[in-house]
């Protein structure tokens, strides 16, 4: 578990919602770490984030969702058994990898035909996600370098190339646990 606090004052900020809804890229605290976030359903926003992070183009990003029903936007339909398991892990700092064979989401799954989703425990962050839509949310750093713990570190990585910085002070969380959920309901731990 992380010791993240609820950034209600940031997540309810109108400029944050507007920037994200208008396809901006934002550095902000998430439920785990500072993330560099943007619209998951907009391929140009996702490409921009990959370019800013110098991210390995074969490596998918975690997607934050505000509700389990948001998975339908990615044409993902869960079995009853999968829903039970997802609901067990959602609302915690755990990202769940699910099958997503639809090629229209290749810009997200990067050929893996899977996507990782996290439903944050914070109701305020979930409300933001329901207003903005699902957000890709890799950590706020360039590939293979340490995640930003504060806005000054994030600005060293990204400078003026993002649309908005939301300063939540020092963030001392850690990356989410990642599990793989198979269609038969079996799970494997990818990252503890």
Protein backbone atom coordinates (compact mmCIF):
# COMPACT_ATOMS: atom_id res chain seq x y z
CA UNK A 1 0.00 0.00 0.00
CA UNK A 2 1.06 3.58 -0.51
CA UNK A 3 0.61 6.46 1.87
CA UNK A 4 -1.03 8.64 -0.78
CA UNK A 5 -3.43 11.27 0.40
CA UNK A 6 -6.62 12.36 -1.26
CA UNK A 7 -5.79 15.34 -3.50
CA UNK A 8 -9.39 16.58 -3.54
CA UNK A 9 -8.32 20.23 -3.92
CA UNK A 10 -6.38 19.29 -7.07
CA UNK A 11 -8.65 16.66 -8.60
CA UNK A 12 -11.69 18.96 -8.36
CA UNK A 13 -9.88 21.92 -9.96
CA UNK A 14 -11.82 23.14 -13.04
CA UNK A 15 -8.62 23.88 -14.98
CA UNK A 16 -7.55 20.23 -14.56
CA UNK A 17 -10.85 18.86 -15.85
CA UNK A 18 -10.95 21.32 -18.75
CA UNK A 19 -7.35 20.67 -19.79
CA UNK A 20 -7.88 16.91 -19.83
CA UNK A 21 -11.25 17.10 -21.60
CA UNK A 22 -9.64 19.29 -24.26
CA UNK A 23 -6.92 16.71 -25.00
CA UNK A 24 -4.21 18.31 -22.88
CA UNK A 25 -1.36 16.50 -21.18
CA UNK A 26 -1.06 17.03 -17.43
CA UNK A 27 1.47 16.12 -14.73
CA UNK A 28 -0.47 15.44 -11.52
CA UNK A 29 -0.53 13.20 -8.48
CA UNK A 30 -2.54 10.03 -9.09
CA UNK A 31 -3.49 7.44 -6.49
CA UNK A 32 0.07 6.09 -6.52
CA UNK A 33 2.69 8.48 -7.98
CA UNK A 34 2.92 11.63 -10.04
CA UNK A 35 1.70 10.70 -13.49
CA UNK A 36 1.84 12.29 -16.91
CA UNK A 37 -1.76 11.81 -17.97
CA UNK A 38 -4.03 12.35 -20.95
CA UNK A 39 -7.03 10.98 -22.83
CA UNK A 40 -6.68 7.23 -23.39
CA UNK A 41 -9.25 7.28 -26.21
CA UNK A 42 -7.30 9.87 -28.22
CA UNK A 43 -4.39 8.26 -30.08
CA UNK A 44 -2.62 11.58 -30.71
CA UNK A 45 -2.62 12.39 -26.96
CA UNK A 46 -1.25 8.91 -26.20
CA UNK A 47 1.46 9.34 -28.86
CA UNK A 48 2.38 12.72 -27.39
CA UNK A 49 2.84 11.16 -23.93
CA UNK A 50 5.00 8.39 -25.39
CA UNK A 51 7.17 10.98 -27.10
CA UNK A 52 7.47 13.17 -23.98
CA UNK A 53 8.44 10.19 -21.81
CA UNK A 54 10.71 8.68 -24.47
CA UNK A 55 8.77 5.53 -23.63
CA UNK A 56 9.54 2.20 -25.26
CA UNK A 57 6.94 2.05 -28.09
CA UNK A 58 6.29 -1.64 -27.41
CA UNK A 59 5.35 -1.04 -23.76
CA UNK A 60 1.66 -0.29 -23.01
CA UNK A 61 0.62 2.28 -20.37
CA UNK A 62 -1.72 1.78 -17.43
CA UNK A 63 -5.15 3.33 -17.92
CA UNK A 64 -7.09 4.90 -15.04
CA UNK A 65 -10.87 4.43 -15.17
CA UNK A 66 -13.63 5.89 -13.01
CA UNK A 67 -15.93 2.87 -13.11
CA UNK A 68 -15.71 -0.78 -14.14
CA UNK A 69 -18.26 -0.04 -16.90
CA UNK A 70 -15.63 2.16 -18.57
CA UNK A 71 -13.99 -1.06 -19.80
CA UNK A 72 -16.76 -1.28 -22.40
CA UNK A 73 -15.23 1.78 -24.12
CA UNK A 74 -12.33 -0.53 -24.95
CA UNK A 75 -14.70 -3.28 -26.15
CA UNK A 76 -13.80 -5.40 -23.14
CA UNK A 77 -16.58 -7.62 -21.82
CA UNK A 78 -15.88 -9.46 -18.58
CA UNK A 79 -17.30 -12.82 -17.56
CA UNK A 80 -19.04 -12.95 -14.17
CA UNK A 81 -15.98 -14.65 -12.69
CA UNK A 82 -13.67 -11.95 -14.12
CA UNK A 83 -15.97 -9.22 -12.74
CA UNK A 84 -15.72 -10.71 -9.25
CA UNK A 85 -11.93 -10.76 -9.45
CA UNK A 86 -11.69 -7.26 -10.94
CA UNK A 87 -13.93 -5.87 -8.20
CA UNK A 88 -11.69 -7.54 -5.61
CA UNK A 89 -8.58 -5.75 -6.92
CA UNK A 90 -10.04 -2.47 -8.07
CA UNK A 91 -10.22 0.30 -5.45
CA UNK A 92 -6.64 -0.53 -4.46
CA UNK A 93 -3.30 0.38 -5.99
CA UNK A 94 -3.54 -2.67 -8.27
CA UNK A 95 -3.63 -2.55 -12.06
CA UNK A 96 -5.37 -5.43 -13.81
CA UNK A 97 -4.23 -6.58 -17.25
CA UNK A 98 -7.11 -7.76 -19.46
CA UNK A 99 -7.35 -9.09 -23.01
CA UNK A 100 -8.06 -6.40 -25.60
CA UNK A 101 -7.69 -7.98 -29.04
CA UNK A 102 -9.44 -5.10 -30.86
CA UNK A 103 -6.93 -3.64 -33.34
CA UNK A 104 -8.53 -0.19 -33.10
CA UNK A 105 -6.76 0.00 -29.71
CA UNK A 106 -3.34 -1.03 -31.08
CA UNK A 107 -2.07 2.49 -30.25
CA UNK A 108 -2.70 1.52 -26.60
CA UNK A 109 -1.95 -2.19 -26.45
CA UNK A 110 1.15 -1.85 -28.67
CA UNK A 111 0.69 -5.30 -30.18
CA UNK A 112 0.28 -7.08 -26.83
CA UNK A 113 -3.52 -7.25 -27.30
CA UNK A 114 -3.85 -6.57 -23.56
CA UNK A 115 -4.50 -3.41 -21.56
CA UNK A 116 -3.86 -2.64 -17.88
CA UNK A 117 -6.57 -0.78 -15.97
CA UNK A 118 -6.73 0.69 -12.48
CA UNK A 119 -9.81 1.97 -10.69
CA UNK A 120 -8.54 4.27 -7.91
CA UNK A 121 -9.86 3.99 -4.36
CA UNK A 122 -10.39 7.77 -4.11
CA UNK A 123 -13.98 8.72 -4.98
CA UNK A 124 -12.78 12.23 -5.92
CA UNK A 125 -10.27 10.86 -8.43
CA UNK A 126 -12.92 8.47 -9.80
CA UNK A 127 -15.29 11.45 -10.23
CA UNK A 128 -12.58 13.27 -12.19
CA UNK A 129 -12.14 10.19 -14.40
CA UNK A 130 -15.88 9.97 -15.05
CA UNK A 131 -15.82 13.63 -16.16
CA UNK A 132 -12.72 13.34 -18.36
CA UNK A 133 -12.95 9.74 -19.54
CA UNK A 134 -10.23 7.11 -19.12
CA UNK A 135 -6.69 8.48 -18.82
CA UNK A 136 -3.37 6.89 -19.68
CA UNK A 137 -1.24 7.47 -16.62
CA UNK A 138 2.40 6.42 -16.78
CA UNK A 139 4.66 7.78 -14.07
CA UNK A 140 6.01 11.31 -14.58
CA UNK A 141 9.54 10.54 -15.70
CA UNK A 142 11.40 9.66 -18.84
CA UNK A 143 12.05 6.01 -19.62
CA UNK A 144 14.34 4.20 -17.13
CA UNK A 145 14.75 7.24 -14.84
CA UNK A 146 13.23 7.59 -11.35
CA UNK A 147 9.59 8.79 -11.04
CA UNK A 148 9.14 12.43 -10.06
CA UNK A 149 8.48 12.90 -6.35
CA UNK A 150 7.51 16.56 -6.80
CA UNK A 151 6.70 19.10 -9.49
CA UNK A 152 10.25 20.48 -9.67
CA UNK A 153 11.54 17.01 -10.59
CA UNK A 154 8.75 16.63 -13.17
CA UNK A 155 9.60 20.00 -14.71
CA UNK A 156 13.23 18.85 -15.12
CA UNK A 157 11.89 15.98 -17.23
CA UNK A 158 9.22 17.82 -19.23
CA UNK A 159 9.81 21.58 -18.98
CA UNK A 160 7.19 23.56 -20.89
CA UNK A 161 6.12 20.60 -23.04
CA UNK A 162 3.07 19.66 -20.94
CA UNK A 163 -0.09 21.74 -20.73
CA UNK A 164 -0.54 21.82 -16.95
CA UNK A 165 1.30 20.90 -13.76
CA UNK A 166 -0.81 20.17 -10.66
CA UNK A 167 1.38 20.55 -7.57
CA UNK A 168 0.53 18.09 -4.80
CA UNK A 169 3.78 18.59 -2.88
CA UNK A 170 6.00 15.58 -2.30
CA UNK A 171 4.43 12.28 -3.35
CA UNK A 172 5.88 9.26 -1.58
CA UNK A 173 3.80 6.49 -3.14
CA UNK A 174 5.03 3.59 -5.22
CA UNK A 175 4.02 2.07 -8.52
CA UNK A 176 0.90 -0.07 -8.49
CA UNK A 177 0.88 -3.83 -8.22
CA UNK A 178 0.14 -5.36 -11.63
CA UNK A 179 -1.78 -8.60 -12.09
CA UNK A 180 -2.78 -10.47 -15.26
CA UNK A 181 -6.36 -11.73 -15.36
CA UNK A 182 -6.92 -14.49 -17.90
CA UNK A 183 -10.27 -15.15 -19.58
CA UNK A 184 -10.71 -18.30 -17.41
CA UNK A 185 -10.45 -16.20 -14.23
CA UNK A 186 -6.92 -17.28 -13.29
CA UNK A 187 -4.50 -14.58 -12.21
CA UNK A 188 -0.74 -14.15 -12.15
CA UNK A 189 1.22 -11.39 -10.44
CA UNK A 190 3.34 -9.39 -12.89
CA UNK A 191 4.64 -6.74 -10.46
CA UNK A 192 4.31 -6.84 -6.67
